[in-house]
Amino acid sequence: MTEATVKRMDIGQVDDAAPLRGTAIVRPLCHVRAVREGHALRFTDPSEAAASRSARVWAWTLGESATAPVTDRQTAVPPSRSDIEAEIAEADERRLRGDRENRADAAATILRWLIGHDDHVAVRGENRGELVGGFGDVVRSPEQIADVLAVAVEGQGRAAAKSRDVNADPDDRQFARQDADYLDGVVATLAWVLGERPETPITRMHLRELTTRDLKAERVHAEDVIEQARHPWMADRLPPPWYGEGVKFTITWLLGDCTAPPVNPASCGPYGQGSELPVMLRDAQARRRGL
């Protein structure tokens, strides 16, 4: 690909923080450029890149080529979302068939990221999150994290107040208490990641710096907390299981294992009235288990 081709791709695009107009891509153009460049580093030989289906994804989705990377069919320029989803479906079908000679898993991974089906940054190596404004393997920017924290703090206060409302239905008070505990875990985790809280949300450790390993270890400890629901005699030694769910789901979101943030726009967790987060929690759990 020539420099002139790349420049033509961006004609008329003023805001790098917005997706490229006229394409099915939902990622900011600056993130697309950064991840594309990071992906290109894996190829030392231009001929190798030209033969790679994953390398051809970028030119196709950005409207620089009409040749689809998986099926090699000719499509509209740039391709529509349905065109992209058809390529993903074909790649998945080849994987299920065990067609190792014609697999396109890497291409499908990039396509999923570009259209927002998956938030994992589609490159290998350390500090992939930096390509999209995060750090380490965290794919959320400090601004995104702070926004979700503010919503969670608001929701936590509201749920805690409702849990103490003697005039409310007992079941509503119980759900509100669970939601308050869940959001307390969300707040503790996000504040820790932003450096506003010195100790980890579960183990209460003080760390010199936050690493991806620390996040994943804290998520494992959160899973241990959730398990306490099966062992009531441990309840006085651990936080509530709903607190553990808040920590676990928040870290899952931070690492891109789930596209949905841990708090919905109505400032509630999975136990708030009308919340869709229980479904998101199940989907995130299934994804992590590879189901």
C-alpha atoms as a PDB file:
ATOM      1  CA  MET A   1       0.000   0.000   0.000  1.00  0.00           C
ATOM      2  CA  THR A   2       1.398   3.403  -0.878  1.00  0.00           C
ATOM      3  CA  GLU A   3       1.363   6.539   1.237  1.00  0.00           C
ATOM      4  CA  ALA A   4      -0.766   8.242  -1.428  1.00  0.00           C
ATOM      5  CA  THR A   5      -3.422   5.539  -1.036  1.00  0.00           C
ATOM      6  CA  VAL A   6      -3.533   6.027   2.725  1.00  0.00           C
ATOM      7  CA  LYS A   7      -3.957   9.781   2.302  1.00  0.00           C
ATOM      8  CA  ARG A   8      -6.814   9.371  -0.140  1.00  0.00           C
ATOM      9  CA  MET A   9      -8.564   7.196   2.429  1.00  0.00           C
ATOM     10  CA  ASP A  10      -8.737  10.146   4.835  1.00  0.00           C
ATOM     11  CA  ILE A  11      -9.866  12.885   2.446  1.00  0.00           C
ATOM     12  CA  GLY A  12     -12.454  15.081   4.152  1.00  0.00           C
ATOM     13  CA  GLN A  13     -12.002  13.406   7.546  1.00  0.00           C
ATOM     14  CA  VAL A  14     -11.392  16.219  10.034  1.00  0.00           C
ATOM     15  CA  ASP A  15     -12.059  14.478  13.353  1.00  0.00           C
ATOM     16  CA  ASP A  16      -9.607  11.661  14.027  1.00  0.00           C
ATOM     17  CA  ALA A  17     -11.577  10.792  17.170  1.00  0.00           C
ATOM     18  CA  ALA A  18     -14.598   9.830  15.041  1.00  0.00           C
ATOM     19  CA  PRO A  19     -15.061   6.743  12.850  1.00  0.00           C
ATOM     20  CA  LEU A  20     -14.181   7.119   9.189  1.00  0.00           C
ATOM     21  CA  ARG A  21     -17.259   8.494   7.445  1.00  0.00           C
ATOM     22  CA  GLY A  22     -18.976   6.324   4.880  1.00  0.00           C
ATOM     23  CA  THR A  23     -17.659   3.028   6.278  1.00  0.00           C
ATOM     24  CA  ALA A  24     -19.119   0.382   8.591  1.00  0.00           C
ATOM     25  CA  ILE A  25     -16.229   0.899  11.016  1.00  0.00           C
ATOM     26  CA  VAL A  26     -17.268   2.121  14.489  1.00  0.00           C
ATOM     27  CA  ARG A  27     -13.773   2.731  15.892  1.00  0.00           C
ATOM     28  CA  PRO A  28     -12.168   6.194  15.980  1.00  0.00           C
ATOM     29  CA  LEU A  29      -9.935   6.747  12.965  1.00  0.00           C
ATOM     30  CA  CYS A  30      -6.922   7.394  15.215  1.00  0.00           C
ATOM     31  CA  HIS A  31      -7.401   3.980  16.839  1.00  0.00           C
ATOM     32  CA  VAL A  32      -7.802   2.277  13.472  1.00  0.00           C
ATOM     33  CA  ARG A  33      -4.556   3.815  12.248  1.00  0.00           C
ATOM     34  CA  ALA A  34      -2.675   2.836  15.412  1.00  0.00           C
ATOM     35  CA  VAL A  35      -3.906  -0.764  15.441  1.00  0.00           C
ATOM     36  CA  ARG A  36      -3.287  -1.099  11.710  1.00  0.00           C
ATOM     37  CA  GLU A  37       0.293   0.022  12.152  1.00  0.00           C
ATOM     38  CA  GLY A  38       0.731  -2.311  15.123  1.00  0.00           C
ATOM     39  CA  HIS A  39      -0.609  -5.214  13.089  1.00  0.00           C
ATOM     40  CA  ALA A  40       1.727  -4.409  10.191  1.00  0.00           C
ATOM     41  CA  LEU A  41       4.763  -4.825  12.449  1.00  0.00           C
ATOM     42  CA  ARG A  42       4.290  -8.587  12.430  1.00  0.00           C
ATOM     43  CA  PHE A  43       5.194  -8.703   8.723  1.00  0.00           C
ATOM     44  CA  THR A  44       8.852  -8.282   7.811  1.00  0.00           C
ATOM     45  CA  ASP A  45       8.334  -9.026   4.113  1.00  0.00           C
ATOM     46  CA  PRO A  46       5.875  -6.991   1.980  1.00  0.00           C
ATOM     47  CA  SER A  47       5.008 -10.120   0.002  1.00  0.00           C
ATOM     48  CA  GLU A  48       4.031 -11.843   3.236  1.00  0.00           C
ATOM     49  CA  ALA A  49       1.661  -9.002   4.077  1.00  0.00           C
ATOM     50  CA  ALA A  50       0.161  -9.070   0.597  1.00  0.00           C
ATOM     51  CA  ALA A  51      -0.661 -12.773   0.976  1.00  0.00           C
ATOM     52  CA  SER A  52      -2.127 -12.397   4.468  1.00  0.00           C
ATOM     53  CA  ARG A  53      -5.906 -12.297   4.751  1.00  0.00           C
ATOM     54  CA  SER A  54      -5.669 -10.369   8.033  1.00  0.00           C
ATOM     55  CA  ALA A  55      -3.445  -7.705   6.421  1.00  0.00           C
ATOM     56  CA  ARG A  56      -5.931  -7.309   3.573  1.00  0.00           C
ATOM     57  CA  VAL A  57      -8.755  -6.553   6.023  1.00  0.00           C
ATOM     58  CA  TRP A  58      -7.613  -2.979   6.519  1.00  0.00           C
ATOM     59  CA  ALA A  59      -7.587  -1.896   2.887  1.00  0.00           C
ATOM     60  CA  TRP A  60     -10.951  -3.561   2.265  1.00  0.00           C
ATOM     61  CA  THR A  61     -12.861  -2.137   5.226  1.00  0.00           C
ATOM     62  CA  LEU A  62     -11.397   1.324   4.701  1.00  0.00           C
ATOM     63  CA  GLY A  63     -12.475   1.406   1.066  1.00  0.00           C
ATOM     64  CA  GLU A  64      -9.012   1.135  -0.458  1.00  0.00           C
ATOM     65  CA  SER A  65      -9.767  -2.211  -2.093  1.00  0.00           C
ATOM     66  CA  ALA A  66     -12.855  -4.001  -3.401  1.00  0.00           C
ATOM     67  CA  THR A  67     -11.527  -7.521  -2.704  1.00  0.00           C
ATOM     68  CA  ALA A  68     -12.927  -9.146   0.436  1.00  0.00           C
ATOM     69  CA  PRO A  69     -10.186 -10.692   2.599  1.00  0.00           C
ATOM     70  CA  VAL A  70     -11.831 -14.049   3.350  1.00  0.00           C
ATOM     71  CA  THR A  71     -13.882 -14.951   0.274  1.00  0.00           C
ATOM     72  CA  ASP A  72     -11.942 -12.888  -2.308  1.00  0.00           C
ATOM     73  CA  ARG A  73     -15.260 -11.710  -3.756  1.00  0.00           C
ATOM     74  CA  GLN A  74     -15.680  -8.177  -5.119  1.00  0.00           C
ATOM     75  CA  THR A  75     -17.870  -5.915  -2.993  1.00  0.00           C
ATOM     76  CA  ALA A  76     -18.980  -2.318  -2.764  1.00  0.00           C
ATOM     77  CA  VAL A  77     -16.276   0.193  -1.839  1.00  0.00           C
ATOM     78  CA  PRO A  78     -16.238   0.532   1.097  1.00  0.00           C
ATOM     79  CA  PRO A  79     -18.048  -2.669   2.119  1.00  0.00           C
ATOM     80  CA  SER A  80     -21.324  -2.553   4.020  1.00  0.00           C
ATOM     81  CA  ARG A  81     -21.784  -3.987   7.493  1.00  0.00           C
ATOM     82  CA  SER A  82     -23.593  -6.975   5.992  1.00  0.00           C
ATOM     83  CA  ASP A  83     -20.601  -7.565   3.688  1.00  0.00           C
ATOM     84  CA  ILE A  84     -18.304  -7.581   6.705  1.00  0.00           C
ATOM     85  CA  GLU A  85     -20.576  -9.861   8.716  1.00  0.00           C
ATOM     86  CA  ALA A  86     -20.686 -12.289   5.779  1.00  0.00           C
ATOM     87  CA  GLU A  87     -16.868 -12.464   5.792  1.00  0.00           C
ATOM     88  CA  ILE A  88     -16.880 -13.157   9.533  1.00  0.00           C
ATOM     89  CA  ALA A  89     -19.482 -15.894   9.076  1.00  0.00           C
ATOM     90  CA  GLU A  90     -17.426 -17.555   6.352  1.00  0.00           C
ATOM     91  CA  ALA A  91     -14.274 -17.431   8.485  1.00  0.00           C
ATOM     92  CA  ASP A  92     -16.152 -18.999  11.399  1.00  0.00           C
ATOM     93  CA  GLU A  93     -17.561 -21.724   9.154  1.00  0.00           C
ATOM     94  CA  ARG A  94     -14.081 -22.633   7.917  1.00  0.00           C
ATOM     95  CA  ARG A  95     -12.853 -22.848  11.495  1.00  0.00           C
ATOM     96  CA  LEU A  96     -15.721 -25.142  12.481  1.00  0.00           C
ATOM     97  CA  ARG A  97     -15.037 -27.321   9.445  1.00  0.00           C
ATOM     98  CA  GLY A  98     -11.415 -27.607  10.491  1.00  0.00           C
ATOM     99  CA  ASP A  99     -10.299 -26.179   7.150  1.00  0.00           C
ATOM    100  CA  ARG A 100      -6.772 -25.363   8.324  1.00  0.00           C
ATOM    101  CA  GLU A 101      -5.396 -24.591   4.869  1.00  0.00           C
ATOM    102  CA  ASN A 102      -7.894 -21.809   4.288  1.00  0.00           C
ATOM    103  CA  ARG A 103      -8.585 -20.479   7.795  1.00  0.00           C
ATOM    104  CA  ALA A 104      -9.156 -16.772   8.324  1.00  0.00           C
ATOM    105  CA  ASP A 105      -9.454 -16.505  12.105  1.00  0.00           C
ATOM    106  CA  ALA A 106      -7.114 -13.514  12.345  1.00  0.00           C
ATOM    107  CA  ALA A 107      -9.040 -11.660   9.655  1.00  0.00           C
ATOM    108  CA  ALA A 108     -12.320 -12.327  11.469  1.00  0.00           C
ATOM    109  CA  THR A 109     -10.826 -11.046  14.731  1.00  0.00           C
ATOM    110  CA  ILE A 110      -9.911  -7.721  13.131  1.00  0.00           C
ATOM    111  CA  LEU A 111     -13.299  -7.438  11.440  1.00  0.00           C
ATOM    112  CA  ARG A 112     -15.100  -8.033  14.744  1.00  0.00           C
ATOM    113  CA  TRP A 113     -13.053  -5.305  16.392  1.00  0.00           C
ATOM    114  CA  LEU A 114     -13.639  -2.816  13.577  1.00  0.00           C
ATOM    115  CA  ILE A 115     -17.444  -3.140  13.716  1.00  0.00           C
ATOM    116  CA  GLY A 116     -17.630  -3.300  17.520  1.00  0.00           C
ATOM    117  CA  HIS A 117     -18.525  -6.969  17.995  1.00  0.00           C
ATOM    118  CA  ASP A 118     -15.395  -7.489  20.106  1.00  0.00           C
ATOM    119  CA  ASP A 119     -13.267  -5.000  22.049  1.00  0.00           C
ATOM    120  CA  HIS A 120     -10.049  -7.011  22.150  1.00  0.00           C
ATOM    121  CA  VAL A 121      -7.368  -5.080  20.284  1.00  0.00           C
ATOM    122  CA  ALA A 122      -6.531  -7.162  17.231  1.00  0.00           C
ATOM    123  CA  VAL A 123      -2.730  -7.208  17.567  1.00  0.00           C
ATOM    124  CA  ARG A 124      -0.240  -9.307  19.483  1.00  0.00           C
ATOM    125  CA  GLY A 125       2.290  -8.162  22.030  1.00  0.00           C
ATOM    126  CA  GLU A 126       2.447  -6.089  25.189  1.00  0.00           C
ATOM    127  CA  ASN A 127       0.710  -2.779  25.888  1.00  0.00           C
ATOM    128  CA  ARG A 128      -1.911  -3.291  23.220  1.00  0.00           C
ATOM    129  CA  GLY A 129      -4.283  -1.083  25.165  1.00  0.00           C
ATOM    130  CA  GLU A 130      -2.092   1.943  24.460  1.00  0.00           C
ATOM    131  CA  LEU A 131      -3.116   1.739  20.806  1.00  0.00           C
ATOM    132  CA  VAL A 132      -6.689   2.636  21.791  1.00  0.00           C
ATOM    133  CA  GLY A 133      -6.004   5.057  24.628  1.00  0.00           C
ATOM    134  CA  GLY A 134      -5.673   2.502  27.420  1.00  0.00           C
ATOM    135  CA  PHE A 135      -2.653   0.800  28.981  1.00  0.00           C
ATOM    136  CA  GLY A 136      -1.329  -2.741  29.190  1.00  0.00           C
ATOM    137  CA  ASP A 137      -4.229  -4.931  28.130  1.00  0.00           C
ATOM    138  CA  VAL A 138      -6.785  -2.369  29.348  1.00  0.00           C
ATOM    139  CA  VAL A 139      -8.683  -1.175  26.282  1.00  0.00           C
ATOM    140  CA  ARG A 140     -10.554   1.699  28.002  1.00  0.00           C
ATOM    141  CA  SER A 141      -9.227   5.234  28.179  1.00  0.00           C
ATOM    142  CA  PRO A 142      -9.011   7.110  31.490  1.00  0.00           C
ATOM    143  CA  GLU A 143     -11.835   9.342  30.246  1.00  0.00           C
ATOM    144  CA  GLN A 144     -14.088   6.343  29.583  1.00  0.00           C
ATOM    145  CA  ILE A 145     -13.264   4.864  32.968  1.00  0.00           C
ATOM    146  CA  ALA A 146     -13.942   8.171  34.745  1.00  0.00           C
ATOM    147  CA  ASP A 147     -17.299   8.532  32.982  1.00  0.00           C
ATOM    148  CA  VAL A 148     -18.424   5.059  34.054  1.00  0.00           C
ATOM    149  CA  LEU A 149     -17.150   5.718  37.587  1.00  0.00           C
ATOM    150  CA  ALA A 150     -19.292   8.848  37.858  1.00  0.00           C
ATOM    151  CA  VAL A 151     -22.387   6.930  36.722  1.00  0.00           C
ATOM    152  CA  ALA A 152     -21.622   4.098  39.162  1.00  0.00           C
ATOM    153  CA  VAL A 153     -21.189   6.491  42.108  1.00  0.00           C
ATOM    154  CA  GLU A 154     -24.543   8.070  41.354  1.00  0.00           C
ATOM    155  CA  GLY A 155     -26.245   4.690  41.082  1.00  0.00           C
ATOM    156  CA  GLN A 156     -24.611   3.324  44.217  1.00  0.00           C
ATOM    157  CA  GLY A 157     -25.922   6.208  46.309  1.00  0.00           C
ATOM    158  CA  ARG A 158     -29.414   5.843  44.885  1.00  0.00           C
ATOM    159  CA  ALA A 159     -29.496   2.065  45.431  1.00  0.00           C
ATOM    160  CA  ALA A 160     -28.176   2.372  48.989  1.00  0.00           C
ATOM    161  CA  ALA A 161     -30.871   4.921  49.830  1.00  0.00           C
ATOM    162  CA  LYS A 162     -33.597   2.692  48.400  1.00  0.00           C
ATOM    163  CA  SER A 163     -32.311  -0.297  50.352  1.00  0.00           C
ATOM    164  CA  ARG A 164     -32.953   1.682  53.563  1.00  0.00           C
ATOM    165  CA  ASP A 165     -36.425   2.905  52.579  1.00  0.00           C
ATOM    166  CA  VAL A 166     -38.772   1.328  55.132  1.00  0.00           C
ATOM    167  CA  ASN A 167     -41.757   2.244  52.957  1.00  0.00           C
ATOM    168  CA  ALA A 168     -40.465   0.257  49.975  1.00  0.00           C
ATOM    169  CA  ASP A 169     -41.458  -3.321  49.210  1.00  0.00           C
ATOM    170  CA  PRO A 170     -39.135  -5.787  51.053  1.00  0.00           C
ATOM    171  CA  ASP A 171     -38.151  -7.471  47.783  1.00  0.00           C
ATOM    172  CA  ASP A 172     -37.342  -4.087  46.227  1.00  0.00           C
ATOM    173  CA  ARG A 173     -35.185  -3.224  49.235  1.00  0.00           C
ATOM    174  CA  GLN A 174     -33.333  -6.519  48.914  1.00  0.00           C
ATOM    175  CA  PHE A 175     -32.642  -6.021  45.217  1.00  0.00           C
ATOM    176  CA  ALA A 176     -31.535  -2.457  45.929  1.00  0.00           C
ATOM    177  CA  ARG A 177     -29.109  -3.730  48.586  1.00  0.00           C
ATOM    178  CA  GLN A 178     -27.650  -6.218  46.129  1.00  0.00           C
ATOM    179  CA  ASP A 179     -27.335  -3.530  43.484  1.00  0.00           C
ATOM    180  CA  ALA A 180     -25.645  -1.185  45.963  1.00  0.00           C
ATOM    181  CA  ASP A 181     -23.128  -3.908  46.872  1.00  0.00           C
ATOM    182  CA  TYR A 182     -22.489  -4.646  43.187  1.00  0.00           C
ATOM    183  CA  LEU A 183     -21.970  -0.961  42.368  1.00  0.00           C
ATOM    184  CA  ASP A 184     -19.702  -0.614  45.406  1.00  0.00           C
ATOM    185  CA  GLY A 185     -17.451  -3.224  43.755  1.00  0.00           C
ATOM    186  CA  VAL A 186     -17.597  -1.340  40.457  1.00  0.00           C
ATOM    187  CA  VAL A 187     -16.687   1.957  42.131  1.00  0.00           C
ATOM    188  CA  ALA A 188     -13.839   0.421  44.136  1.00  0.00           C
ATOM    189  CA  THR A 189     -12.349  -1.184  41.025  1.00  0.00           C
ATOM    190  CA  LEU A 190     -12.576   1.847  38.762  1.00  0.00           C
ATOM    191  CA  ALA A 191     -11.235   4.185  41.459  1.00  0.00           C
ATOM    192  CA  TRP A 192      -8.300   1.800  41.986  1.00  0.00           C
ATOM    193  CA  VAL A 193      -7.526   1.664  38.267  1.00  0.00           C
ATOM    194  CA  LEU A 194      -7.624   5.465  38.029  1.00  0.00           C
ATOM    195  CA  GLY A 195      -5.275   5.806  41.002  1.00  0.00           C
ATOM    196  CA  GLU A 196      -7.951   7.406  43.180  1.00  0.00           C
ATOM    197  CA  ARG A 197      -7.928   4.453  45.575  1.00  0.00           C
ATOM    198  CA  PRO A 198      -4.617   3.098  46.935  1.00  0.00           C
ATOM    199  CA  GLU A 199      -5.689  -0.489  47.621  1.00  0.00           C
ATOM    200  CA  THR A 200      -6.991  -3.262  45.429  1.00  0.00           C
ATOM    201  CA  PRO A 201     -10.755  -3.860  45.720  1.00  0.00           C
ATOM    202  CA  ILE A 202     -10.626  -7.471  46.962  1.00  0.00           C
ATOM    203  CA  THR A 203      -7.235  -8.270  48.462  1.00  0.00           C
ATOM    204  CA  ARG A 204      -6.722  -4.735  49.888  1.00  0.00           C
ATOM    205  CA  MET A 205      -3.125  -4.700  48.691  1.00  0.00           C
ATOM    206  CA  HIS A 206      -1.108  -1.564  47.985  1.00  0.00           C
ATOM    207  CA  LEU A 207       0.793  -1.941  44.718  1.00  0.00           C
ATOM    208  CA  ARG A 208       3.558   0.216  43.281  1.00  0.00           C
ATOM    209  CA  GLU A 209       2.023   0.106  39.833  1.00  0.00           C
ATOM    210  CA  LEU A 210      -0.994  -1.491  38.224  1.00  0.00           C
ATOM    211  CA  THR A 211      -0.330  -4.288  35.739  1.00  0.00           C
ATOM    212  CA  THR A 212      -2.500  -6.561  33.645  1.00  0.00           C
ATOM    213  CA  ARG A 213      -1.425  -9.444  35.872  1.00  0.00           C
ATOM    214  CA  ASP A 214      -2.708  -7.546  38.921  1.00  0.00           C
ATOM    215  CA  LEU A 215      -6.081  -7.013  37.256  1.00  0.00           C
ATOM    216  CA  LYS A 216      -6.455 -10.663  36.307  1.00  0.00           C
ATOM    217  CA  ALA A 217      -5.361 -11.812  39.764  1.00  0.00           C
ATOM    218  CA  GLU A 218      -7.921  -9.513  41.396  1.00  0.00           C
ATOM    219  CA  ARG A 219     -10.603 -10.942  39.110  1.00  0.00           C
ATOM    220  CA  VAL A 220      -9.731 -14.448  40.300  1.00  0.00           C
ATOM    221  CA  HIS A 221     -10.084 -13.269  43.899  1.00  0.00           C
ATOM    222  CA  ALA A 222     -13.434 -11.713  43.002  1.00  0.00           C
ATOM    223  CA  GLU A 223     -14.569 -15.114  41.716  1.00  0.00           C
ATOM    224  CA  ASP A 224     -13.576 -16.570  45.101  1.00  0.00           C
ATOM    225  CA  VAL A 225     -15.752 -13.963  46.811  1.00  0.00           C
ATOM    226  CA  ILE A 226     -18.709 -14.859  44.603  1.00  0.00           C
ATOM    227  CA  GLU A 227     -18.263 -18.521  45.588  1.00  0.00           C
ATOM    228  CA  GLN A 228     -18.956 -17.616  49.207  1.00  0.00           C
ATOM    229  CA  ALA A 229     -22.670 -17.644  48.352  1.00  0.00           C
ATOM    230  CA  ARG A 230     -22.351 -21.441  48.421  1.00  0.00           C
ATOM    231  CA  HIS A 231     -20.614 -21.340  51.811  1.00  0.00           C
ATOM    232  CA  PRO A 232     -22.658 -19.085  54.128  1.00  0.00           C
ATOM    233  CA  TRP A 233     -20.334 -19.738  57.077  1.00  0.00           C
ATOM    234  CA  MET A 234     -17.686 -17.633  55.308  1.00  0.00           C
ATOM    235  CA  ALA A 235     -19.967 -14.619  54.845  1.00  0.00           C
ATOM    236  CA  ASP A 236     -18.568 -12.704  57.817  1.00  0.00           C
ATOM    237  CA  ARG A 237     -15.002 -12.916  56.469  1.00  0.00           C
ATOM    238  CA  LEU A 238     -15.546 -11.751  52.894  1.00  0.00           C
ATOM    239  CA  PRO A 239     -17.358  -8.942  51.078  1.00  0.00           C
ATOM    240  CA  PRO A 240     -20.867  -9.720  49.790  1.00  0.00           C
ATOM    241  CA  PRO A 241     -20.933 -11.875  46.638  1.00  0.00           C
ATOM    242  CA  TRP A 242     -22.569  -9.024  44.720  1.00  0.00           C
ATOM    243  CA  TYR A 243     -19.537  -6.850  45.496  1.00  0.00           C
ATOM    244  CA  GLY A 244     -17.396  -9.592  43.957  1.00  0.00           C
ATOM    245  CA  GLU A 245     -19.608  -9.586  40.863  1.00  0.00           C
ATOM    246  CA  GLY A 246     -19.079  -5.846  40.498  1.00  0.00           C
ATOM    247  CA  VAL A 247     -15.306  -6.216  40.693  1.00  0.00           C
ATOM    248  CA  LYS A 248     -15.251  -9.178  38.319  1.00  0.00           C
ATOM    249  CA  PHE A 249     -17.482  -7.653  35.646  1.00  0.00           C
ATOM    250  CA  THR A 250     -15.645  -4.328  35.806  1.00  0.00           C
ATOM    251  CA  ILE A 251     -12.275  -5.971  35.179  1.00  0.00           C
ATOM    252  CA  THR A 252     -13.846  -8.044  32.411  1.00  0.00           C
ATOM    253  CA  TRP A 253     -14.980  -4.803  30.751  1.00  0.00           C
ATOM    254  CA  LEU A 254     -11.626  -3.090  31.266  1.00  0.00           C
ATOM    255  CA  LEU A 255      -9.809  -5.950  29.506  1.00  0.00           C
ATOM    256  CA  GLY A 256     -12.246  -5.989  26.601  1.00  0.00           C
ATOM    257  CA  ASP A 257     -13.731  -9.395  27.447  1.00  0.00           C
ATOM    258  CA  CYS A 258     -17.141  -7.737  27.358  1.00  0.00           C
ATOM    259  CA  THR A 259     -18.312  -4.808  25.243  1.00  0.00           C
ATOM    260  CA  ALA A 260     -20.927  -3.615  27.775  1.00  0.00           C
ATOM    261  CA  PRO A 261     -19.789  -1.374  30.655  1.00  0.00           C
ATOM    262  CA  PRO A 262     -20.534  -2.608  34.199  1.00  0.00           C
ATOM    263  CA  VAL A 263     -23.193   0.073  34.744  1.00  0.00           C
ATOM    264  CA  ASN A 264     -26.079   0.823  32.427  1.00  0.00           C
ATOM    265  CA  PRO A 265     -27.058   4.374  31.386  1.00  0.00           C
ATOM    266  CA  ALA A 266     -29.745   4.440  34.105  1.00  0.00           C
ATOM    267  CA  SER A 267     -26.964   4.233  36.731  1.00  0.00           C
ATOM    268  CA  CYS A 268     -27.857   0.765  37.941  1.00  0.00           C
ATOM    269  CA  GLY A 269     -26.227  -2.631  38.043  1.00  0.00           C
ATOM    270  CA  PRO A 270     -27.731  -6.034  37.229  1.00  0.00           C
ATOM    271  CA  TYR A 271     -30.214  -5.931  40.106  1.00  0.00           C
ATOM    272  CA  GLY A 272     -31.785  -2.582  39.292  1.00  0.00           C
ATOM    273  CA  GLN A 273     -35.312  -2.552  37.932  1.00  0.00           C
ATOM    274  CA  GLY A 274     -35.377  -3.158  34.170  1.00  0.00           C
ATOM    275  CA  SER A 275     -31.595  -3.573  33.917  1.00  0.00           C
ATOM    276  CA  GLU A 276     -30.195  -5.562  30.982  1.00  0.00           C
ATOM    277  CA  LEU A 277     -26.915  -6.240  32.758  1.00  0.00           C
ATOM    278  CA  PRO A 278     -27.788  -9.783  33.948  1.00  0.00           C
ATOM    279  CA  VAL A 279     -27.755 -10.884  30.299  1.00  0.00           C
ATOM    280  CA  MET A 280     -24.454  -9.060  29.761  1.00  0.00           C
ATOM    281  CA  LEU A 281     -22.958 -10.800  32.791  1.00  0.00           C
ATOM    282  CA  ARG A 282     -23.926 -14.207  31.446  1.00  0.00           C
ATOM    283  CA  ASP A 283     -22.603 -13.380  27.980  1.00  0.00           C
ATOM    284  CA  ALA A 284     -19.286 -12.163  29.395  1.00  0.00           C
ATOM    285  CA  GLN A 285     -18.938 -15.302  31.517  1.00  0.00           C
ATOM    286  CA  ALA A 286     -19.668 -17.541  28.537  1.00  0.00           C
ATOM    287  CA  ARG A 287     -17.135 -15.687  26.392  1.00  0.00           C
ATOM    288  CA  ARG A 288     -14.392 -16.054  28.974  1.00  0.00           C
ATOM    289  CA  ARG A 289     -15.085 -19.774  29.165  1.00  0.00           C
ATOM    290  CA  GLY A 290     -15.080 -20.083  25.396  1.00  0.00           C
ATOM    291  CA  LEU A 291     -18.673 -21.324  25.248  1.00  0.00           C
END
